[in-house]
Amino acid sequence: MEMGHDAFYVEKRSEQVRGKKRLVIDYKPLNLFLQDDKFPVPRANTLFSQIPGATIFSKFDLDQQSRLSPPDNQPQ
């Protein structure tokens, strides 16, 4: 099955002064063909109750969470 998706350029936030653009592709139509695999984020109290007795921990940094958000000029 062949599919095509809309592609367009948007201004890079960090390069707006220079007018640099980046290519983006809208893959939303592809969602109709994907299986919905829900995996909800556990509640904080559920996670904290699992800490006692744990010996290995990991962390992730949300400092760059702006990369997860759509650009201001794009529909959500």
Protein backbone atom coordinates (compact mmCIF):
# COMPACT_ATOMS: atom_id res chain seq x y z
CA MET A 1 0.00 0.00 0.00
CA GLU A 2 1.45 3.36 -0.97
CA MET A 3 0.63 6.47 1.00
CA GLY A 4 1.54 10.11 0.64
CA HIS A 5 1.66 12.68 3.42
CA ASP A 6 1.69 16.46 3.39
CA ALA A 7 5.15 17.97 3.69
CA PHE A 8 5.85 21.65 4.28
CA TYR A 9 8.43 24.01 5.73
CA VAL A 10 8.19 25.89 9.03
CA GLU A 11 10.55 28.45 10.48
CA LYS A 12 12.94 27.05 13.06
CA ARG A 13 12.35 28.79 16.38
CA SER A 14 16.05 29.07 17.11
CA GLU A 15 16.79 30.41 13.61
CA GLN A 16 13.94 32.90 13.05
CA VAL A 17 16.37 35.81 12.73
CA ARG A 18 18.18 34.14 9.84
CA GLY A 19 14.98 32.82 8.29
CA LYS A 20 16.05 29.18 8.32
CA LYS A 21 13.32 26.66 7.75
CA ARG A 22 12.91 22.97 8.52
CA LEU A 23 10.95 20.34 6.67
CA VAL A 24 8.06 18.73 8.55
CA ILE A 25 5.75 15.92 7.47
CA ASP A 26 2.18 15.44 8.68
CA TYR A 27 1.76 11.75 9.50
CA LYS A 28 -1.66 12.15 11.19
CA PRO A 29 -3.52 10.28 8.40
CA LEU A 30 -1.32 7.27 9.16
CA ASN A 31 -2.93 7.01 12.61
CA LEU A 32 -6.06 5.54 11.00
CA PHE A 33 -4.06 2.42 10.13
CA LEU A 34 -2.28 1.98 13.47
CA GLN A 35 -3.46 -0.12 16.37
CA ASP A 36 -4.28 1.87 19.51
CA ASP A 37 -1.89 0.56 22.16
CA LYS A 38 -2.81 2.41 25.33
CA PHE A 39 -0.28 2.44 28.13
CA PRO A 40 -1.29 5.06 30.69
CA VAL A 41 1.35 6.79 32.77
CA PRO A 42 1.10 5.45 36.35
CA ARG A 43 0.05 7.81 39.12
CA ALA A 44 2.82 9.23 41.30
CA ASN A 45 1.64 7.44 44.47
CA THR A 46 1.70 4.11 42.60
CA LEU A 47 5.29 4.74 41.52
CA PHE A 48 6.42 5.88 44.98
CA SER A 49 4.90 2.79 46.60
CA GLN A 50 7.21 0.65 44.46
CA ILE A 51 10.42 2.43 45.58
CA PRO A 52 11.01 0.65 48.93
CA GLY A 53 13.35 -2.25 48.33
CA ALA A 54 14.39 -1.07 44.86
CA THR A 55 18.10 -1.19 44.03
CA ILE A 56 18.24 0.22 40.49
CA PHE A 57 16.91 3.64 39.54
CA SER A 58 16.79 5.64 36.31
CA LYS A 59 15.71 9.14 35.43
CA PHE A 60 14.80 11.19 32.38
CA ASP A 61 15.10 14.91 31.89
CA LEU A 62 12.15 16.95 30.62
CA ASP A 63 14.32 20.01 30.06
CA GLN A 64 13.80 19.70 26.30
CA GLN A 65 10.04 19.02 26.51
CA SER A 66 9.43 21.91 24.11
CA ARG A 67 10.52 19.55 21.34
CA LEU A 68 7.49 17.41 22.18
CA SER A 69 5.06 20.28 21.70
CA PRO A 70 3.73 21.34 18.30
CA PRO A 71 4.96 24.71 17.01
CA ASP A 72 2.76 27.68 17.95
CA ASN A 73 1.76 28.29 14.35
CA GLN A 74 0.57 24.72 13.69
CA PRO A 75 -2.92 23.34 14.40
CA GLN A 76 -3.12 20.80 17.18
